[in-house]
Amino acid sequence: MEKIDDIIAVIKGCLKVAAFFALIALLVPVALIYKRIDPRQPFRIPILFHRLLLRLLGIRLRVCGTPSTTAPVLFVSNHVSYLDVIALGSLLPASFVAKSEVAGWPLFGFLARVQNTVFIERRSIRAADQSTYLQDILAKRQNLILFPEGTSSEGITTLPFKSSLFSIVENSALNAPITVQPISLTCTGLDGFPLLHEERAQYAWFGDMTLVPHLWNVFQRGHFTLDIIFHPPLTTADCPNRKILAATSEKLVAKGIEQSLARHSIVIK
């Protein structure tokens, strides 16, 4: 019986992979053409792509709260997996901020560019230039999505938020308060049941985990439920410097994760 289940999972995985590439072949040219026709709406096709991808992978979102529409917004979220990008990308008309290495990833780097991802180098000698670059994007009233932990985690707690990444808001080129909206993202379910601690790595991608085997497992078996909490927006008027802004955001995100885990009676070991 177990072998039959494994065979069925492999078949499902192959079909989903085929559908994934079909989706890319269909929508990427549309996205590139659409950006030329109407550059003021660069996220319409990427949002559609991510929503269809959620359906394909069987990922269900439970959303609490409302995304801010006061452009520009810097959305800041905890980071658990590359699947976070699909979830948030299906909801927000915003560019992700990613490390420059992602641009060179086969296929995914290309898709990130189509999705209007902003790539930055995290070397300290480039910090000032990168900050100015991001400030200019905000000055154009374009929303950004930032993972201020700087890496992904298991998803049951937050890693320290890097306050240096909030300098783009503190020293805004707009000379006006910038909206910062913290987001808590928690994987709480698998196949309709609460996610067990030992199953968490099926969604979470962190540490030295290898991408391709993890992604193949998602295509075969991934039917996840994600809780996404949009917290009340903050501004530099509420938090006068980047350290306070980072600490306040981190506290809100951590509290939201704790609430999501408690709501679904998920025990943290």
C-alpha atoms as a PDB file:
ATOM      1  CA  MET A   1       0.000   0.000   0.000  1.00  0.00           C
ATOM      2  CA  GLU A   2       2.851   2.373   0.864  1.00  0.00           C
ATOM      3  CA  LYS A   3       4.472   1.718  -2.524  1.00  0.00           C
ATOM      4  CA  ILE A   4       1.192   2.537  -4.284  1.00  0.00           C
ATOM      5  CA  ASP A   5       0.959   5.824  -2.356  1.00  0.00           C
ATOM      6  CA  ASP A   6       4.538   6.643  -3.354  1.00  0.00           C
ATOM      7  CA  ILE A   7       3.796   5.930  -7.020  1.00  0.00           C
ATOM      8  CA  ILE A   8       0.688   8.132  -6.895  1.00  0.00           C
ATOM      9  CA  ALA A   9       2.728  10.909  -5.264  1.00  0.00           C
ATOM     10  CA  VAL A  10       5.360  10.707  -8.010  1.00  0.00           C
ATOM     11  CA  ILE A  11       2.691  10.873 -10.724  1.00  0.00           C
ATOM     12  CA  LYS A  12       1.063  13.877  -9.042  1.00  0.00           C
ATOM     13  CA  GLY A  13       4.459  15.521  -8.725  1.00  0.00           C
ATOM     14  CA  CYS A  14       5.257  15.018 -12.406  1.00  0.00           C
ATOM     15  CA  LEU A  15       1.889  16.408 -13.468  1.00  0.00           C
ATOM     16  CA  LYS A  16       2.335  19.464 -11.243  1.00  0.00           C
ATOM     17  CA  VAL A  17       5.841  20.084 -12.569  1.00  0.00           C
ATOM     18  CA  ALA A  18       4.486  19.920 -16.132  1.00  0.00           C
ATOM     19  CA  ALA A  19       1.681  22.333 -15.209  1.00  0.00           C
ATOM     20  CA  PHE A  20       4.221  24.651 -13.533  1.00  0.00           C
ATOM     21  CA  PHE A  21       6.290  24.940 -16.719  1.00  0.00           C
ATOM     22  CA  ALA A  22       3.123  25.365 -18.787  1.00  0.00           C
ATOM     23  CA  LEU A  23       2.127  28.232 -16.511  1.00  0.00           C
ATOM     24  CA  ILE A  24       5.522  29.851 -16.994  1.00  0.00           C
ATOM     25  CA  ALA A  25       5.340  29.428 -20.774  1.00  0.00           C
ATOM     26  CA  LEU A  26       1.876  30.989 -20.823  1.00  0.00           C
ATOM     27  CA  LEU A  27       2.179  33.909 -18.416  1.00  0.00           C
ATOM     28  CA  VAL A  28       5.807  35.070 -18.592  1.00  0.00           C
ATOM     29  CA  PRO A  29       5.472  36.404 -22.172  1.00  0.00           C
ATOM     30  CA  VAL A  30       2.176  38.035 -21.171  1.00  0.00           C
ATOM     31  CA  ALA A  31       3.845  39.677 -18.161  1.00  0.00           C
ATOM     32  CA  LEU A  32       6.732  41.030 -20.264  1.00  0.00           C
ATOM     33  CA  ILE A  33       4.374  42.423 -22.901  1.00  0.00           C
ATOM     34  CA  TYR A  34       1.986  43.850 -20.309  1.00  0.00           C
ATOM     35  CA  LYS A  35       4.809  45.740 -18.578  1.00  0.00           C
ATOM     36  CA  ARG A  36       5.571  47.476 -21.868  1.00  0.00           C
ATOM     37  CA  ILE A  37       1.929  48.248 -22.594  1.00  0.00           C
ATOM     38  CA  ASP A  38       1.088  49.528 -19.109  1.00  0.00           C
ATOM     39  CA  PRO A  39       4.232  50.043 -16.988  1.00  0.00           C
ATOM     40  CA  ARG A  40       2.085  51.595 -14.250  1.00  0.00           C
ATOM     41  CA  GLN A  41       0.630  48.139 -13.464  1.00  0.00           C
ATOM     42  CA  PRO A  42       3.731  45.890 -13.260  1.00  0.00           C
ATOM     43  CA  PHE A  43       2.271  43.501 -10.683  1.00  0.00           C
ATOM     44  CA  ARG A  44      -1.051  42.495 -12.241  1.00  0.00           C
ATOM     45  CA  ILE A  45       0.288  39.419 -14.083  1.00  0.00           C
ATOM     46  CA  PRO A  46       2.749  38.382 -11.311  1.00  0.00           C
ATOM     47  CA  ILE A  47      -0.116  38.409  -8.777  1.00  0.00           C
ATOM     48  CA  LEU A  48      -2.185  36.232 -11.133  1.00  0.00           C
ATOM     49  CA  PHE A  49       0.783  33.888 -11.641  1.00  0.00           C
ATOM     50  CA  HIS A  50       1.278  33.465  -7.885  1.00  0.00           C
ATOM     51  CA  ARG A  51      -2.437  32.857  -7.286  1.00  0.00           C
ATOM     52  CA  LEU A  52      -2.536  30.157  -9.934  1.00  0.00           C
ATOM     53  CA  LEU A  53       0.633  28.639  -8.491  1.00  0.00           C
ATOM     54  CA  LEU A  54      -0.975  28.490  -5.042  1.00  0.00           C
ATOM     55  CA  ARG A  55      -3.868  26.549  -6.563  1.00  0.00           C
ATOM     56  CA  LEU A  56      -1.511  24.225  -8.394  1.00  0.00           C
ATOM     57  CA  LEU A  57       0.447  23.427  -5.231  1.00  0.00           C
ATOM     58  CA  GLY A  58      -2.665  23.179  -3.082  1.00  0.00           C
ATOM     59  CA  ILE A  59      -1.573  25.943  -0.707  1.00  0.00           C
ATOM     60  CA  ARG A  60      -4.420  27.584   1.197  1.00  0.00           C
ATOM     61  CA  LEU A  61      -4.122  31.048   2.744  1.00  0.00           C
ATOM     62  CA  ARG A  62      -5.990  32.274   5.816  1.00  0.00           C
ATOM     63  CA  VAL A  63      -5.571  36.036   5.896  1.00  0.00           C
ATOM     64  CA  CYS A  64      -6.206  38.218   8.928  1.00  0.00           C
ATOM     65  CA  GLY A  65      -6.030  41.982   8.646  1.00  0.00           C
ATOM     66  CA  THR A  66      -5.774  44.175   5.565  1.00  0.00           C
ATOM     67  CA  PRO A  67      -2.729  45.215   3.520  1.00  0.00           C
ATOM     68  CA  SER A  68      -2.105  48.944   3.661  1.00  0.00           C
ATOM     69  CA  THR A  69      -2.934  50.859   0.499  1.00  0.00           C
ATOM     70  CA  THR A  70      -1.105  54.049   1.505  1.00  0.00           C
ATOM     71  CA  ALA A  71       1.707  53.916  -1.042  1.00  0.00           C
ATOM     72  CA  PRO A  72       4.551  53.517  -0.677  1.00  0.00           C
ATOM     73  CA  VAL A  73       4.512  50.687   1.864  1.00  0.00           C
ATOM     74  CA  LEU A  74       7.444  48.698   3.168  1.00  0.00           C
ATOM     75  CA  PHE A  75       5.983  45.301   4.058  1.00  0.00           C
ATOM     76  CA  VAL A  76       8.211  43.390   6.503  1.00  0.00           C
ATOM     77  CA  SER A  77       7.676  39.683   7.154  1.00  0.00           C
ATOM     78  CA  ASN A  78       9.330  36.748   8.824  1.00  0.00           C
ATOM     79  CA  HIS A  79      10.839  34.313   6.333  1.00  0.00           C
ATOM     80  CA  VAL A  80      10.321  30.538   6.421  1.00  0.00           C
ATOM     81  CA  SER A  81      10.563  29.259   2.837  1.00  0.00           C
ATOM     82  CA  TYR A  82      10.787  30.240  -0.816  1.00  0.00           C
ATOM     83  CA  LEU A  83       7.047  29.445  -0.771  1.00  0.00           C
ATOM     84  CA  ASP A  84       6.565  32.657   1.233  1.00  0.00           C
ATOM     85  CA  VAL A  85       7.232  34.533  -2.003  1.00  0.00           C
ATOM     86  CA  ILE A  86       4.319  32.805  -3.723  1.00  0.00           C
ATOM     87  CA  ALA A  87       1.996  33.478  -0.776  1.00  0.00           C
ATOM     88  CA  LEU A  88       2.846  37.172  -0.345  1.00  0.00           C
ATOM     89  CA  GLY A  89       3.237  37.691  -4.090  1.00  0.00           C
ATOM     90  CA  SER A  90      -0.372  36.569  -4.568  1.00  0.00           C
ATOM     91  CA  LEU A  91      -1.602  39.302  -2.212  1.00  0.00           C
ATOM     92  CA  LEU A  92       0.627  42.341  -2.593  1.00  0.00           C
ATOM     93  CA  PRO A  93       1.427  44.677  -5.503  1.00  0.00           C
ATOM     94  CA  ALA A  94       5.026  45.050  -4.399  1.00  0.00           C
ATOM     95  CA  SER A  95       8.613  44.203  -5.303  1.00  0.00           C
ATOM     96  CA  PHE A  96      10.520  41.722  -3.170  1.00  0.00           C
ATOM     97  CA  VAL A  97      13.951  42.725  -1.912  1.00  0.00           C
ATOM     98  CA  ALA A  98      16.343  39.798  -2.382  1.00  0.00           C
ATOM     99  CA  LYS A  99      20.062  39.191  -2.070  1.00  0.00           C
ATOM    100  CA  SER A 100      21.937  39.571  -5.345  1.00  0.00           C
ATOM    101  CA  GLU A 101      22.839  35.851  -5.469  1.00  0.00           C
ATOM    102  CA  VAL A 102      19.195  35.008  -6.224  1.00  0.00           C
ATOM    103  CA  ALA A 103      19.478  36.765  -9.596  1.00  0.00           C
ATOM    104  CA  GLY A 104      21.898  34.055 -10.720  1.00  0.00           C
ATOM    105  CA  TRP A 105      19.737  31.072  -9.723  1.00  0.00           C
ATOM    106  CA  PRO A 106      18.673  28.969 -12.733  1.00  0.00           C
ATOM    107  CA  LEU A 107      15.056  29.703 -13.720  1.00  0.00           C
ATOM    108  CA  PHE A 108      14.136  31.220 -10.346  1.00  0.00           C
ATOM    109  CA  GLY A 109      16.411  34.203 -10.888  1.00  0.00           C
ATOM    110  CA  PHE A 110      14.692  34.852 -14.209  1.00  0.00           C
ATOM    111  CA  LEU A 111      11.226  34.514 -12.642  1.00  0.00           C
ATOM    112  CA  ALA A 112      12.285  36.887  -9.857  1.00  0.00           C
ATOM    113  CA  ARG A 113      13.245  39.517 -12.423  1.00  0.00           C
ATOM    114  CA  VAL A 114       9.907  39.108 -14.208  1.00  0.00           C
ATOM    115  CA  GLN A 115       8.215  39.600 -10.830  1.00  0.00           C
ATOM    116  CA  ASN A 116      10.101  42.933 -10.463  1.00  0.00           C
ATOM    117  CA  THR A 117      12.329  41.749  -7.619  1.00  0.00           C
ATOM    118  CA  VAL A 118      14.908  44.256  -6.409  1.00  0.00           C
ATOM    119  CA  PHE A 119      18.338  42.687  -5.914  1.00  0.00           C
ATOM    120  CA  ILE A 120      20.813  44.077  -3.398  1.00  0.00           C
ATOM    121  CA  GLU A 121      24.305  43.213  -2.252  1.00  0.00           C
ATOM    122  CA  ARG A 122      24.565  42.850   1.499  1.00  0.00           C
ATOM    123  CA  ARG A 123      28.266  43.663   1.764  1.00  0.00           C
ATOM    124  CA  SER A 124      28.867  46.457   4.248  1.00  0.00           C
ATOM    125  CA  ILE A 125      30.925  48.457   1.741  1.00  0.00           C
ATOM    126  CA  ARG A 126      27.858  48.711  -0.510  1.00  0.00           C
ATOM    127  CA  ALA A 127      25.347  49.435   2.282  1.00  0.00           C
ATOM    128  CA  ALA A 128      25.049  53.169   1.612  1.00  0.00           C
ATOM    129  CA  ASP A 129      24.582  52.715  -2.151  1.00  0.00           C
ATOM    130  CA  GLN A 130      22.016  49.957  -1.668  1.00  0.00           C
ATOM    131  CA  SER A 131      20.084  52.039   0.843  1.00  0.00           C
ATOM    132  CA  THR A 132      19.945  54.977  -1.571  1.00  0.00           C
ATOM    133  CA  TYR A 133      18.775  52.656  -4.350  1.00  0.00           C
ATOM    134  CA  LEU A 134      15.880  51.347  -2.238  1.00  0.00           C
ATOM    135  CA  GLN A 135      14.991  54.858  -1.072  1.00  0.00           C
ATOM    136  CA  ASP A 136      14.684  55.946  -4.691  1.00  0.00           C
ATOM    137  CA  ILE A 137      12.253  53.083  -5.339  1.00  0.00           C
ATOM    138  CA  LEU A 138      10.101  54.125  -2.378  1.00  0.00           C
ATOM    139  CA  ALA A 139      10.266  57.735  -3.582  1.00  0.00           C
ATOM    140  CA  LYS A 140       8.567  56.543  -6.776  1.00  0.00           C
ATOM    141  CA  ARG A 141       5.751  55.251  -4.515  1.00  0.00           C
ATOM    142  CA  GLN A 142       6.518  51.636  -5.315  1.00  0.00           C
ATOM    143  CA  ASN A 143       5.872  49.141  -2.516  1.00  0.00           C
ATOM    144  CA  LEU A 144       8.611  46.815  -1.257  1.00  0.00           C
ATOM    145  CA  ILE A 145       8.532  43.472   0.595  1.00  0.00           C
ATOM    146  CA  LEU A 146      11.462  42.890   2.921  1.00  0.00           C
ATOM    147  CA  PHE A 147      12.502  39.870   4.995  1.00  0.00           C
ATOM    148  CA  PRO A 148      14.451  41.675   7.745  1.00  0.00           C
ATOM    149  CA  GLU A 149      15.708  38.466   9.386  1.00  0.00           C
ATOM    150  CA  GLY A 150      18.105  38.221   6.458  1.00  0.00           C
ATOM    151  CA  THR A 151      17.560  34.463   6.113  1.00  0.00           C
ATOM    152  CA  SER A 152      14.840  31.849   6.562  1.00  0.00           C
ATOM    153  CA  SER A 153      14.026  29.952   9.738  1.00  0.00           C
ATOM    154  CA  GLU A 154      11.999  26.987  10.962  1.00  0.00           C
ATOM    155  CA  GLY A 155       9.006  29.303  11.293  1.00  0.00           C
ATOM    156  CA  ILE A 156       8.045  28.901  14.953  1.00  0.00           C
ATOM    157  CA  THR A 157       9.960  31.953  16.189  1.00  0.00           C
ATOM    158  CA  THR A 158      11.534  34.998  14.584  1.00  0.00           C
ATOM    159  CA  LEU A 159      15.224  35.604  14.126  1.00  0.00           C
ATOM    160  CA  PRO A 160      16.461  39.086  15.117  1.00  0.00           C
ATOM    161  CA  PHE A 161      15.365  41.759  12.647  1.00  0.00           C
ATOM    162  CA  LYS A 162      18.361  43.596  11.191  1.00  0.00           C
ATOM    163  CA  SER A 163      17.768  47.241  12.035  1.00  0.00           C
ATOM    164  CA  SER A 164      20.177  48.382   9.303  1.00  0.00           C
ATOM    165  CA  LEU A 165      17.611  47.282   6.702  1.00  0.00           C
ATOM    166  CA  PHE A 166      15.132  49.817   8.128  1.00  0.00           C
ATOM    167  CA  SER A 167      17.445  52.759   7.350  1.00  0.00           C
ATOM    168  CA  ILE A 168      15.712  53.134   3.978  1.00  0.00           C
ATOM    169  CA  VAL A 169      12.642  54.310   5.876  1.00  0.00           C
ATOM    170  CA  GLU A 170      14.480  56.343   8.495  1.00  0.00           C
ATOM    171  CA  ASN A 171      16.274  58.350   5.807  1.00  0.00           C
ATOM    172  CA  SER A 172      13.468  58.433   3.274  1.00  0.00           C
ATOM    173  CA  ALA A 173      13.944  60.442   0.101  1.00  0.00           C
ATOM    174  CA  LEU A 174      10.265  61.454   0.341  1.00  0.00           C
ATOM    175  CA  ASN A 175      10.859  63.635   3.405  1.00  0.00           C
ATOM    176  CA  ALA A 176       7.608  62.256   4.794  1.00  0.00           C
ATOM    177  CA  PRO A 177       6.650  59.338   7.060  1.00  0.00           C
ATOM    178  CA  ILE A 178       6.798  55.996   5.259  1.00  0.00           C
ATOM    179  CA  THR A 179       4.295  53.272   6.086  1.00  0.00           C
ATOM    180  CA  VAL A 180       5.809  50.043   7.413  1.00  0.00           C
ATOM    181  CA  GLN A 181       3.440  47.087   7.780  1.00  0.00           C
ATOM    182  CA  PRO A 182       4.634  44.012   9.719  1.00  0.00           C
ATOM    183  CA  ILE A 183       3.373  40.618   8.533  1.00  0.00           C
ATOM    184  CA  SER A 184       3.333  37.318  10.436  1.00  0.00           C
ATOM    185  CA  LEU A 185       3.490  34.252   8.189  1.00  0.00           C
ATOM    186  CA  THR A 186       2.992  30.820   9.783  1.00  0.00           C
ATOM    187  CA  CYS A 187       2.528  27.392   8.241  1.00  0.00           C
ATOM    188  CA  THR A 188      -0.142  25.811  10.444  1.00  0.00           C
ATOM    189  CA  GLY A 189      -1.545  22.892   8.455  1.00  0.00           C
ATOM    190  CA  LEU A 190      -0.708  19.987   6.168  1.00  0.00           C
ATOM    191  CA  ASP A 191      -3.398  18.027   4.299  1.00  0.00           C
ATOM    192  CA  GLY A 192      -6.121  19.614   6.439  1.00  0.00           C
ATOM    193  CA  PHE A 193      -4.535  18.718   9.781  1.00  0.00           C
ATOM    194  CA  PRO A 194      -2.430  20.804  12.185  1.00  0.00           C
ATOM    195  CA  LEU A 195       1.225  20.742  11.120  1.00  0.00           C
ATOM    196  CA  LEU A 196       3.282  18.557  13.457  1.00  0.00           C
ATOM    197  CA  HIS A 197       6.687  19.691  14.617  1.00  0.00           C
ATOM    198  CA  GLU A 198       8.413  16.875  12.736  1.00  0.00           C
ATOM    199  CA  GLU A 199       6.567  17.889   9.546  1.00  0.00           C
ATOM    200  CA  ARG A 200       7.643  21.531   9.676  1.00  0.00           C
ATOM    201  CA  ALA A 201      10.616  20.987   7.363  1.00  0.00           C
ATOM    202  CA  GLN A 202       8.217  19.975   4.598  1.00  0.00           C
ATOM    203  CA  TYR A 203       7.308  23.666   4.280  1.00  0.00           C
ATOM    204  CA  ALA A 204      10.264  25.431   5.904  1.00  0.00           C
ATOM    205  CA  TRP A 205      13.474  25.721   3.884  1.00  0.00           C
ATOM    206  CA  PHE A 206      16.400  26.879   5.948  1.00  0.00           C
ATOM    207  CA  GLY A 207      19.944  26.138   7.033  1.00  0.00           C
ATOM    208  CA  ASP A 208      21.810  23.833   4.646  1.00  0.00           C
ATOM    209  CA  MET A 209      18.696  22.253   3.110  1.00  0.00           C
ATOM    210  CA  THR A 210      18.976  21.550  -0.637  1.00  0.00           C
ATOM    211  CA  LEU A 211      16.432  23.285  -2.868  1.00  0.00           C
ATOM    212  CA  VAL A 212      15.610  20.690  -5.543  1.00  0.00           C
ATOM    213  CA  PRO A 213      14.725  17.732  -3.238  1.00  0.00           C
ATOM    214  CA  HIS A 214      12.674  20.052  -1.037  1.00  0.00           C
ATOM    215  CA  LEU A 215      10.838  21.498  -4.039  1.00  0.00           C
ATOM    216  CA  TRP A 216      10.165  18.018  -5.466  1.00  0.00           C
ATOM    217  CA  ASN A 217       8.610  16.993  -2.153  1.00  0.00           C
ATOM    218  CA  VAL A 218       6.380  20.088  -2.267  1.00  0.00           C
ATOM    219  CA  PHE A 219       5.199  19.174  -5.762  1.00  0.00           C
ATOM    220  CA  GLN A 220       4.428  15.634  -4.640  1.00  0.00           C
ATOM    221  CA  ARG A 221       2.800  16.166  -1.276  1.00  0.00           C
ATOM    222  CA  GLY A 222       2.420  19.852  -0.458  1.00  0.00           C
ATOM    223  CA  HIS A 223      -1.092  20.805   0.657  1.00  0.00           C
ATOM    224  CA  PHE A 224      -0.209  23.459   3.197  1.00  0.00           C
ATOM    225  CA  THR A 225      -2.301  25.969   5.120  1.00  0.00           C
ATOM    226  CA  LEU A 226      -0.667  29.316   5.853  1.00  0.00           C
ATOM    227  CA  ASP A 227      -1.869  31.906   8.329  1.00  0.00           C
ATOM    228  CA  ILE A 228      -0.935  35.445   7.255  1.00  0.00           C
ATOM    229  CA  ILE A 229      -1.538  38.312   9.667  1.00  0.00           C
ATOM    230  CA  PHE A 230      -1.301  41.921   8.473  1.00  0.00           C
ATOM    231  CA  HIS A 231      -0.590  43.980  11.574  1.00  0.00           C
ATOM    232  CA  PRO A 232      -1.563  47.649  11.962  1.00  0.00           C
ATOM    233  CA  PRO A 233       0.833  49.815   9.936  1.00  0.00           C
ATOM    234  CA  LEU A 234       3.651  51.758  11.587  1.00  0.00           C
ATOM    235  CA  THR A 235       5.391  54.939  10.483  1.00  0.00           C
ATOM    236  CA  THR A 236       8.530  56.789  11.462  1.00  0.00           C
ATOM    237  CA  ALA A 237       6.213  59.157  13.295  1.00  0.00           C
ATOM    238  CA  ASP A 238       5.314  56.212  15.596  1.00  0.00           C
ATOM    239  CA  CYS A 239       8.856  54.826  15.774  1.00  0.00           C
ATOM    240  CA  PRO A 240      11.388  57.681  15.536  1.00  0.00           C
ATOM    241  CA  ASN A 241      14.428  55.632  14.515  1.00  0.00           C
ATOM    242  CA  ARG A 242      15.272  52.422  12.684  1.00  0.00           C
ATOM    243  CA  LYS A 243      16.172  50.461  15.826  1.00  0.00           C
ATOM    244  CA  ILE A 244      12.808  51.148  17.450  1.00  0.00           C
ATOM    245  CA  LEU A 245      11.052  50.440  14.159  1.00  0.00           C
ATOM    246  CA  ALA A 246      12.872  47.110  13.752  1.00  0.00           C
ATOM    247  CA  ALA A 247      12.259  46.068  17.371  1.00  0.00           C
ATOM    248  CA  THR A 248       8.560  47.013  17.235  1.00  0.00           C
ATOM    249  CA  SER A 249       8.065  45.151  13.952  1.00  0.00           C
ATOM    250  CA  GLU A 250       9.866  42.077  15.265  1.00  0.00           C
ATOM    251  CA  LYS A 251       7.728  42.041  18.416  1.00  0.00           C
ATOM    252  CA  LEU A 252       4.487  42.263  16.429  1.00  0.00           C
ATOM    253  CA  VAL A 253       5.536  39.550  13.972  1.00  0.00           C
ATOM    254  CA  ALA A 254       6.638  37.206  16.773  1.00  0.00           C
ATOM    255  CA  LYS A 255       3.366  37.735  18.627  1.00  0.00           C
ATOM    256  CA  GLY A 256       1.387  36.961  15.469  1.00  0.00           C
ATOM    257  CA  ILE A 257       3.278  33.692  14.930  1.00  0.00           C
ATOM    258  CA  GLU A 258       2.645  32.710  18.550  1.00  0.00           C
ATOM    259  CA  GLN A 259      -1.072  33.450  18.173  1.00  0.00           C
ATOM    260  CA  SER A 260      -1.346  31.407  14.960  1.00  0.00           C
ATOM    261  CA  LEU A 261       0.361  28.397  16.523  1.00  0.00           C
ATOM    262  CA  ALA A 262      -1.809  28.638  19.661  1.00  0.00           C
ATOM    263  CA  ARG A 263      -5.011  29.016  17.616  1.00  0.00           C
ATOM    264  CA  HIS A 264      -4.401  25.679  15.939  1.00  0.00           C
ATOM    265  CA  SER A 265      -3.104  23.963  19.071  1.00  0.00           C
ATOM    266  CA  ILE A 266       0.327  23.394  17.578  1.00  0.00           C
ATOM    267  CA  VAL A 267       2.840  22.419  20.237  1.00  0.00           C
ATOM    268  CA  ILE A 268       6.356  23.834  19.894  1.00  0.00           C
ATOM    269  CA  LYS A 269       8.989  21.336  21.050  1.00  0.00           C
END
